[in-house]
Amino acid sequence: MQGKENDGFRVTEVVSETHLSLVEKLAEDIWTEHYTPIIGSDQVSYMLKNFQSVTAMHEQIKSGMVYYLIFTNSEAIGYLAVKKKVDEIFLSKIYILADRRGQGFGKEAMTFVESMTRDSNFNVLSLTVNKNNDIALKAYEKLGFVNQGPLETDIGEGYIMDDFLMRKVLDQD
């Protein structure tokens, strides 16, 4: 699925080095602003280098992750990444720039992901969210995701991702 447009909103698959570099820059801006108060600057730096650098994203793409840029008009305002699993789509990442949050772009991006999930003949969408990311937790619950419980993942060098696993069963249109 290449993209969806609605009133200047567009989701486009990442297919070039330019796109990957743009995702890397967005990740740096978003993660530094949003996650530093939650997990600290050292872990943010570690995660950006190991999970959101162009090199790391190339490896993720080789293993089946698909990245998308989120645009409004011609401005890149965020990104998301998904991976097909055995019986569900896993939403690995969904991020919007701070000054664009609260304007419905995240909800539109989730609609895109849900449509993609259905188009892939799946009816379950899962994601993980940091236990202390209260704003995101509430947003996912409002969108119909159900907390499946805690999930701790050792990501190396003494860092842990301390998350909740959340799932949503989608209605079939």
C-alpha atoms as a PDB file:
ATOM      1  CA  MET A   1       0.000   0.000   0.000  1.00  0.00           C
ATOM      2  CA  GLN A   2       1.706   3.167  -1.149  1.00  0.00           C
ATOM      3  CA  GLY A   3      -0.329   5.919   0.443  1.00  0.00           C
ATOM      4  CA  LYS A   4      -3.605   7.523   1.480  1.00  0.00           C
ATOM      5  CA  GLU A   5      -4.586  11.161   1.065  1.00  0.00           C
ATOM      6  CA  ASN A   6      -7.279  13.153   2.880  1.00  0.00           C
ATOM      7  CA  ASP A   7      -7.303  16.955   3.136  1.00  0.00           C
ATOM      8  CA  GLY A   8      -3.518  17.155   2.743  1.00  0.00           C
ATOM      9  CA  PHE A   9      -2.932  14.154   5.017  1.00  0.00           C
ATOM     10  CA  ARG A  10      -0.833  11.462   3.362  1.00  0.00           C
ATOM     11  CA  VAL A  11       0.934   8.297   4.480  1.00  0.00           C
ATOM     12  CA  THR A  12       3.718   7.191   2.148  1.00  0.00           C
ATOM     13  CA  GLU A  13       5.883   4.086   2.310  1.00  0.00           C
ATOM     14  CA  VAL A  14       9.565   4.748   2.972  1.00  0.00           C
ATOM     15  CA  VAL A  15      11.361   3.602  -0.175  1.00  0.00           C
ATOM     16  CA  SER A  16      14.535   5.688  -0.446  1.00  0.00           C
ATOM     17  CA  GLU A  17      17.602   6.798   1.454  1.00  0.00           C
ATOM     18  CA  THR A  18      16.131  10.310   1.515  1.00  0.00           C
ATOM     19  CA  HIS A  19      13.034   8.946   3.224  1.00  0.00           C
ATOM     20  CA  LEU A  20      15.121   7.000   5.748  1.00  0.00           C
ATOM     21  CA  SER A  21      17.168  10.094   6.545  1.00  0.00           C
ATOM     22  CA  LEU A  22      13.944  12.028   7.085  1.00  0.00           C
ATOM     23  CA  VAL A  23      12.643   9.343   9.460  1.00  0.00           C
ATOM     24  CA  GLU A  24      15.955   9.422  11.330  1.00  0.00           C
ATOM     25  CA  LYS A  25      15.652  13.223  11.781  1.00  0.00           C
ATOM     26  CA  LEU A  26      12.009  13.001  12.846  1.00  0.00           C
ATOM     27  CA  ALA A  27      12.911  10.269  15.348  1.00  0.00           C
ATOM     28  CA  GLU A  28      15.668  12.400  16.845  1.00  0.00           C
ATOM     29  CA  ASP A  29      13.341  15.384  17.267  1.00  0.00           C
ATOM     30  CA  ILE A  30      10.344  13.416  18.559  1.00  0.00           C
ATOM     31  CA  TRP A  31      12.141  10.988  20.822  1.00  0.00           C
ATOM     32  CA  THR A  32      14.354  13.649  22.399  1.00  0.00           C
ATOM     33  CA  GLU A  33      11.345  15.829  23.199  1.00  0.00           C
ATOM     34  CA  HIS A  34       8.925  13.091  24.250  1.00  0.00           C
ATOM     35  CA  TYR A  35      10.966  10.294  25.785  1.00  0.00           C
ATOM     36  CA  THR A  36      13.749  12.116  27.633  1.00  0.00           C
ATOM     37  CA  PRO A  37      11.439  12.872  30.607  1.00  0.00           C
ATOM     38  CA  ILE A  38      10.202   9.255  30.607  1.00  0.00           C
ATOM     39  CA  ILE A  39      13.369   7.180  30.106  1.00  0.00           C
ATOM     40  CA  GLY A  40      16.227   9.695  30.293  1.00  0.00           C
ATOM     41  CA  SER A  41      18.585  11.123  27.695  1.00  0.00           C
ATOM     42  CA  ASP A  42      21.111   8.259  27.838  1.00  0.00           C
ATOM     43  CA  GLN A  43      18.520   5.626  26.921  1.00  0.00           C
ATOM     44  CA  VAL A  44      16.999   7.900  24.274  1.00  0.00           C
ATOM     45  CA  SER A  45      20.427   8.324  22.650  1.00  0.00           C
ATOM     46  CA  TYR A  46      21.068   4.583  22.822  1.00  0.00           C
ATOM     47  CA  MET A  47      17.697   3.745  21.288  1.00  0.00           C
ATOM     48  CA  LEU A  48      17.997   6.336  18.524  1.00  0.00           C
ATOM     49  CA  LYS A  49      21.393   4.943  17.529  1.00  0.00           C
ATOM     50  CA  ASN A  50      20.369   1.295  17.746  1.00  0.00           C
ATOM     51  CA  PHE A  51      16.779   1.415  16.500  1.00  0.00           C
ATOM     52  CA  GLN A  52      16.167   4.640  14.548  1.00  0.00           C
ATOM     53  CA  SER A  53      19.388   5.264  12.656  1.00  0.00           C
ATOM     54  CA  VAL A  54      19.370   4.731   8.902  1.00  0.00           C
ATOM     55  CA  THR A  55      21.603   1.668   9.399  1.00  0.00           C
ATOM     56  CA  ALA A  56      19.293   0.158  12.040  1.00  0.00           C
ATOM     57  CA  MET A  57      16.216   0.811   9.923  1.00  0.00           C
ATOM     58  CA  HIS A  58      17.819  -0.938   6.936  1.00  0.00           C
ATOM     59  CA  GLU A  59      18.230  -4.043   9.100  1.00  0.00           C
ATOM     60  CA  GLN A  60      14.632  -3.808  10.342  1.00  0.00           C
ATOM     61  CA  ILE A  61      13.339  -3.473   6.783  1.00  0.00           C
ATOM     62  CA  LYS A  62      15.311  -6.587   5.781  1.00  0.00           C
ATOM     63  CA  SER A  63      13.499  -8.473   8.556  1.00  0.00           C
ATOM     64  CA  GLY A  64      10.042  -7.415   7.346  1.00  0.00           C
ATOM     65  CA  MET A  65       9.427  -4.040   9.022  1.00  0.00           C
ATOM     66  CA  VAL A  66       7.734  -1.491   6.742  1.00  0.00           C
ATOM     67  CA  TYR A  67       8.203   2.218   7.492  1.00  0.00           C
ATOM     68  CA  TYR A  68       5.844   5.007   6.447  1.00  0.00           C
ATOM     69  CA  LEU A  69       6.186   8.777   6.552  1.00  0.00           C
ATOM     70  CA  ILE A  70       3.197  10.843   7.638  1.00  0.00           C
ATOM     71  CA  PHE A  71       2.669  14.108   5.769  1.00  0.00           C
ATOM     72  CA  THR A  72       0.254  16.963   5.887  1.00  0.00           C
ATOM     73  CA  ASN A  73       0.430  18.785   2.594  1.00  0.00           C
ATOM     74  CA  SER A  74       4.177  18.680   1.823  1.00  0.00           C
ATOM     75  CA  GLU A  75       5.414  18.660   5.448  1.00  0.00           C
ATOM     76  CA  ALA A  76       6.632  15.434   7.056  1.00  0.00           C
ATOM     77  CA  ILE A  77       5.078  15.447  10.535  1.00  0.00           C
ATOM     78  CA  GLY A  78       5.716  11.901  11.718  1.00  0.00           C
ATOM     79  CA  TYR A  79       6.261   8.281  10.875  1.00  0.00           C
ATOM     80  CA  LEU A  80       5.098   4.787  11.667  1.00  0.00           C
ATOM     81  CA  ALA A  81       6.360   1.241  11.172  1.00  0.00           C
ATOM     82  CA  VAL A  82       4.532  -2.074  11.039  1.00  0.00           C
ATOM     83  CA  LYS A  83       5.429  -5.719  10.780  1.00  0.00           C
ATOM     84  CA  LYS A  84       3.273  -8.683   9.829  1.00  0.00           C
ATOM     85  CA  LYS A  85       3.336 -11.465  12.395  1.00  0.00           C
ATOM     86  CA  VAL A  86       1.729 -14.909  12.244  1.00  0.00           C
ATOM     87  CA  ASP A  87      -1.799 -13.770  13.069  1.00  0.00           C
ATOM     88  CA  GLU A  88      -1.638 -10.004  13.515  1.00  0.00           C
ATOM     89  CA  ILE A  89      -0.049  -6.754  12.460  1.00  0.00           C
ATOM     90  CA  PHE A  90       2.379  -5.302  14.994  1.00  0.00           C
ATOM     91  CA  LEU A  91       2.506  -1.503  15.079  1.00  0.00           C
ATOM     92  CA  SER A  92       6.102  -1.010  16.113  1.00  0.00           C
ATOM     93  CA  LYS A  93       6.206   2.773  15.870  1.00  0.00           C
ATOM     94  CA  ILE A  94       3.814   5.678  15.474  1.00  0.00           C
ATOM     95  CA  TYR A  95       5.117   9.167  16.189  1.00  0.00           C
ATOM     96  CA  ILE A  96       3.913  12.688  15.442  1.00  0.00           C
ATOM     97  CA  LEU A  97       5.868  15.921  15.976  1.00  0.00           C
ATOM     98  CA  ALA A  98       4.933  17.703  19.212  1.00  0.00           C
ATOM     99  CA  ASP A  99       3.508  20.790  17.509  1.00  0.00           C
ATOM    100  CA  ARG A 100       1.234  18.580  15.352  1.00  0.00           C
ATOM    101  CA  ARG A 101      -0.188  16.397  18.138  1.00  0.00           C
ATOM    102  CA  GLY A 102      -3.797  16.871  19.147  1.00  0.00           C
ATOM    103  CA  GLN A 103      -4.858  17.789  15.598  1.00  0.00           C
ATOM    104  CA  GLY A 104      -6.180  14.383  14.575  1.00  0.00           C
ATOM    105  CA  PHE A 105      -3.124  13.236  12.597  1.00  0.00           C
ATOM    106  CA  GLY A 106      -2.382  10.350  14.943  1.00  0.00           C
ATOM    107  CA  LYS A 107      -5.971   9.165  14.678  1.00  0.00           C
ATOM    108  CA  GLU A 108      -5.817   9.391  10.867  1.00  0.00           C
ATOM    109  CA  ALA A 109      -2.554   7.427  10.911  1.00  0.00           C
ATOM    110  CA  MET A 110      -4.211   4.760  13.077  1.00  0.00           C
ATOM    111  CA  THR A 111      -7.095   4.576  10.596  1.00  0.00           C
ATOM    112  CA  PHE A 112      -4.503   3.965   7.871  1.00  0.00           C
ATOM    113  CA  VAL A 113      -2.895   1.174   9.948  1.00  0.00           C
ATOM    114  CA  GLU A 114      -6.260  -0.426  10.693  1.00  0.00           C
ATOM    115  CA  SER A 115      -7.164  -0.382   6.974  1.00  0.00           C
ATOM    116  CA  MET A 116      -3.792  -1.903   6.137  1.00  0.00           C
ATOM    117  CA  THR A 117      -4.392  -4.600   8.755  1.00  0.00           C
ATOM    118  CA  ARG A 118      -7.770  -5.490   7.245  1.00  0.00           C
ATOM    119  CA  ASP A 119      -6.334  -5.352   3.702  1.00  0.00           C
ATOM    120  CA  SER A 120      -3.724  -7.891   4.854  1.00  0.00           C
ATOM    121  CA  ASN A 121      -6.555 -10.191   5.989  1.00  0.00           C
ATOM    122  CA  PHE A 122      -5.778  -9.749   9.675  1.00  0.00           C
ATOM    123  CA  ASN A 123      -8.192  -8.559  12.338  1.00  0.00           C
ATOM    124  CA  VAL A 124      -5.771  -8.056  15.235  1.00  0.00           C
ATOM    125  CA  LEU A 125      -3.504  -5.053  15.662  1.00  0.00           C
ATOM    126  CA  SER A 126      -0.966  -5.049  18.495  1.00  0.00           C
ATOM    127  CA  LEU A 127       1.556  -2.578  19.850  1.00  0.00           C
ATOM    128  CA  THR A 128       3.698  -1.901  22.885  1.00  0.00           C
ATOM    129  CA  VAL A 129       3.721   1.331  24.851  1.00  0.00           C
ATOM    130  CA  ASN A 130       5.968   2.489  27.688  1.00  0.00           C
ATOM    131  CA  LYS A 131       4.244   1.972  31.043  1.00  0.00           C
ATOM    132  CA  ASN A 132       4.891   5.624  31.953  1.00  0.00           C
ATOM    133  CA  ASN A 133       3.653   7.087  28.663  1.00  0.00           C
ATOM    134  CA  ASP A 134       0.281   8.046  30.155  1.00  0.00           C
ATOM    135  CA  ILE A 135      -0.865  10.207  27.242  1.00  0.00           C
ATOM    136  CA  ALA A 136      -0.297   7.422  24.704  1.00  0.00           C
ATOM    137  CA  LEU A 137      -1.842   4.784  26.978  1.00  0.00           C
ATOM    138  CA  LYS A 138      -5.033   6.823  27.280  1.00  0.00           C
ATOM    139  CA  ALA A 139      -5.103   7.517  23.538  1.00  0.00           C
ATOM    140  CA  TYR A 140      -4.740   3.820  22.668  1.00  0.00           C
ATOM    141  CA  GLU A 141      -7.446   2.854  25.150  1.00  0.00           C
ATOM    142  CA  LYS A 142      -9.744   5.486  23.648  1.00  0.00           C
ATOM    143  CA  LEU A 143      -9.083   3.938  20.225  1.00  0.00           C
ATOM    144  CA  GLY A 144     -10.192   0.529  21.506  1.00  0.00           C
ATOM    145  CA  PHE A 145      -6.893  -1.126  22.432  1.00  0.00           C
ATOM    146  CA  VAL A 146      -6.941  -3.427  25.458  1.00  0.00           C
ATOM    147  CA  ASN A 147      -3.987  -3.670  27.824  1.00  0.00           C
ATOM    148  CA  GLN A 148      -2.704  -7.260  27.795  1.00  0.00           C
ATOM    149  CA  GLY A 149      -0.235  -6.720  30.658  1.00  0.00           C
ATOM    150  CA  PRO A 150       3.411  -5.847  31.203  1.00  0.00           C
ATOM    151  CA  LEU A 151       6.206  -6.718  28.809  1.00  0.00           C
ATOM    152  CA  GLU A 152       9.861  -6.101  29.676  1.00  0.00           C
ATOM    153  CA  THR A 153      12.426  -6.322  26.886  1.00  0.00           C
ATOM    154  CA  ASP A 154      16.177  -6.207  27.450  1.00  0.00           C
ATOM    155  CA  ILE A 155      17.567  -4.037  24.649  1.00  0.00           C
ATOM    156  CA  GLY A 156      21.223  -4.252  25.674  1.00  0.00           C
ATOM    157  CA  GLU A 157      23.774  -2.261  27.649  1.00  0.00           C
ATOM    158  CA  GLY A 158      21.604  -2.461  30.756  1.00  0.00           C
ATOM    159  CA  TYR A 159      18.564  -0.813  29.163  1.00  0.00           C
ATOM    160  CA  ILE A 160      15.073  -2.253  29.469  1.00  0.00           C
ATOM    161  CA  MET A 161      11.945  -1.362  27.535  1.00  0.00           C
ATOM    162  CA  ASP A 162       9.308  -1.429  30.273  1.00  0.00           C
ATOM    163  CA  ASP A 163       6.071  -1.603  28.294  1.00  0.00           C
ATOM    164  CA  PHE A 164       2.502  -2.759  28.197  1.00  0.00           C
ATOM    165  CA  LEU A 165       1.379  -4.989  25.338  1.00  0.00           C
ATOM    166  CA  MET A 166      -1.869  -3.712  23.849  1.00  0.00           C
ATOM    167  CA  ARG A 167      -4.179  -5.372  21.328  1.00  0.00           C
ATOM    168  CA  LYS A 168      -7.201  -4.363  19.334  1.00  0.00           C
ATOM    169  CA  VAL A 169      -9.521  -6.751  17.538  1.00  0.00           C
ATOM    170  CA  LEU A 170     -10.804  -4.981  14.456  1.00  0.00           C
ATOM    171  CA  ASP A 171     -14.329  -5.188  13.132  1.00  0.00           C
ATOM    172  CA  GLN A 172     -14.410  -6.487   9.586  1.00  0.00           C
ATOM    173  CA  ASP A 173     -15.860  -3.908   7.212  1.00  0.00           C
END
